[in-house]
Amino acid sequence: MDLIIKRADLLEKSVCRPGLDYFDQISIDQNNGSPDVVFPDGWTALHSAMLYSYSPNFLIWFERNDLIPTLEIPIKNIKSDGSISLNRFPTVDPILSSAKFS
């Protein structure tokens, strides 16, 4: 199922300038002729991980504004400094395999 994030929704929710610039760049990269961003297969844990790696604050803002599903990461994977422990062994990343959306 498609997930569409509309530029107008970001403006309505008072997105910050860097967030809007990032969103606009993704929209340009998609080259679909729309100011909106489309995720044809829906939003996945990988999308959340990629957004988190770019900017944890953007991920939190998108979740709090109900633009994307909330990713629940097991507490054991969150370090005291707020970063996420990425154990690369075994080949299935334990964070992504145990993450759930709420």
Protein backbone atom coordinates (compact mmCIF):
# COMPACT_ATOMS: atom_id res chain seq x y z
CA MET A 1 0.00 0.00 0.00
CA ASP A 2 1.35 3.42 -0.97
CA LEU A 3 2.35 5.92 1.67
CA ILE A 4 2.21 9.50 0.42
CA ILE A 5 3.72 12.32 2.42
CA LYS A 6 2.31 15.61 1.17
CA ARG A 7 4.37 18.77 1.13
CA ALA A 8 1.26 20.74 2.13
CA ASP A 9 0.98 18.61 5.29
CA LEU A 10 4.55 19.46 6.25
CA LEU A 11 3.87 23.17 5.79
CA GLU A 12 0.65 22.90 7.80
CA LYS A 13 2.58 21.26 10.65
CA SER A 14 5.29 23.99 10.57
CA VAL A 15 8.20 21.86 9.36
CA CYS A 16 11.63 23.42 9.87
CA ARG A 17 13.50 24.80 6.85
CA PRO A 18 16.18 22.06 6.80
CA GLY A 19 13.42 19.43 7.01
CA LEU A 20 11.54 21.00 4.12
CA ASP A 21 14.74 21.27 2.06
CA TYR A 22 15.46 17.56 2.69
CA PHE A 23 11.89 16.63 1.75
CA ASP A 24 12.04 18.75 -1.42
CA GLN A 25 15.28 17.04 -2.47
CA ILE A 26 13.66 13.62 -2.08
CA SER A 27 10.68 14.84 -4.11
CA ILE A 28 13.01 16.07 -6.87
CA ASP A 29 14.91 12.77 -6.82
CA GLN A 30 11.65 10.84 -7.24
CA ASN A 31 10.93 12.84 -10.41
CA ASN A 32 7.22 12.02 -10.40
CA GLY A 33 6.03 15.54 -11.25
CA SER A 34 4.50 16.01 -7.80
CA PRO A 35 5.62 18.07 -4.80
CA ASP A 36 4.69 15.05 -2.65
CA VAL A 37 6.83 12.02 -1.79
CA VAL A 38 5.45 8.57 -2.57
CA PHE A 39 6.59 5.30 -1.00
CA PRO A 40 4.97 2.75 -3.37
CA ASP A 41 5.51 -0.20 -1.03
CA GLY A 42 4.59 1.69 2.12
CA TRP A 43 6.85 2.73 4.96
CA THR A 44 9.24 0.10 6.34
CA ALA A 45 11.64 -0.22 9.25
CA LEU A 46 14.45 0.32 6.74
CA HIS A 47 12.98 3.72 5.80
CA SER A 48 12.95 4.66 9.49
CA ALA A 49 16.53 3.48 9.95
CA MET A 50 17.68 5.49 6.93
CA LEU A 51 15.88 8.62 8.13
CA TYR A 52 17.29 8.10 11.64
CA SER A 53 20.82 7.82 10.24
CA TYR A 54 20.32 11.10 8.35
CA SER A 55 18.65 12.94 11.23
CA PRO A 56 17.16 11.40 14.37
CA ASN A 57 15.27 14.65 14.93
CA PHE A 58 13.57 14.40 11.52
CA LEU A 59 12.45 10.85 12.30
CA ILE A 60 11.00 11.92 15.65
CA TRP A 61 9.27 14.93 14.08
CA PHE A 62 7.68 12.82 11.30
CA GLU A 63 6.49 10.24 13.85
CA ARG A 64 5.10 12.82 16.30
CA ASN A 65 3.19 14.49 13.49
CA ASP A 66 1.70 11.16 12.37
CA LEU A 67 3.24 11.39 8.91
CA ILE A 68 4.91 7.97 9.23
CA PRO A 69 4.28 4.96 11.49
CA THR A 70 6.13 4.98 14.81
CA LEU A 71 9.04 2.55 14.93
CA GLU A 72 9.48 0.81 18.26
CA ILE A 73 13.11 -0.16 18.82
CA PRO A 74 13.86 -2.56 21.67
CA ILE A 75 15.35 -0.70 24.63
CA LYS A 76 18.36 -3.08 24.69
CA ASN A 77 19.51 -1.57 21.36
CA ILE A 78 19.49 2.05 22.55
CA LYS A 79 22.76 3.22 24.09
CA SER A 80 22.99 5.71 26.95
CA ASP A 81 24.04 8.48 24.53
CA GLY A 82 20.84 7.96 22.49
CA SER A 83 22.52 6.20 19.58
CA ILE A 84 21.36 2.80 18.39
CA SER A 85 23.54 -0.27 18.68
CA LEU A 86 23.83 -1.86 15.24
CA ASN A 87 24.99 -5.43 15.62
CA ARG A 88 25.84 -6.61 12.09
CA PHE A 89 26.09 -10.30 13.07
CA PRO A 90 24.22 -12.46 12.26
CA THR A 91 23.35 -11.10 8.83
CA VAL A 92 19.82 -10.14 9.86
CA ASP A 93 20.10 -6.87 11.74
CA PRO A 94 18.52 -7.49 15.17
CA ILE A 95 17.13 -3.96 15.36
CA LEU A 96 15.28 -4.20 12.08
CA SER A 97 14.17 -7.78 12.65
CA SER A 98 12.76 -6.97 16.11
CA ALA A 99 11.38 -3.51 15.28
CA LYS A 100 7.64 -3.12 15.18
CA PHE A 101 5.40 -0.28 14.10
CA SER A 102 2.66 1.03 16.32
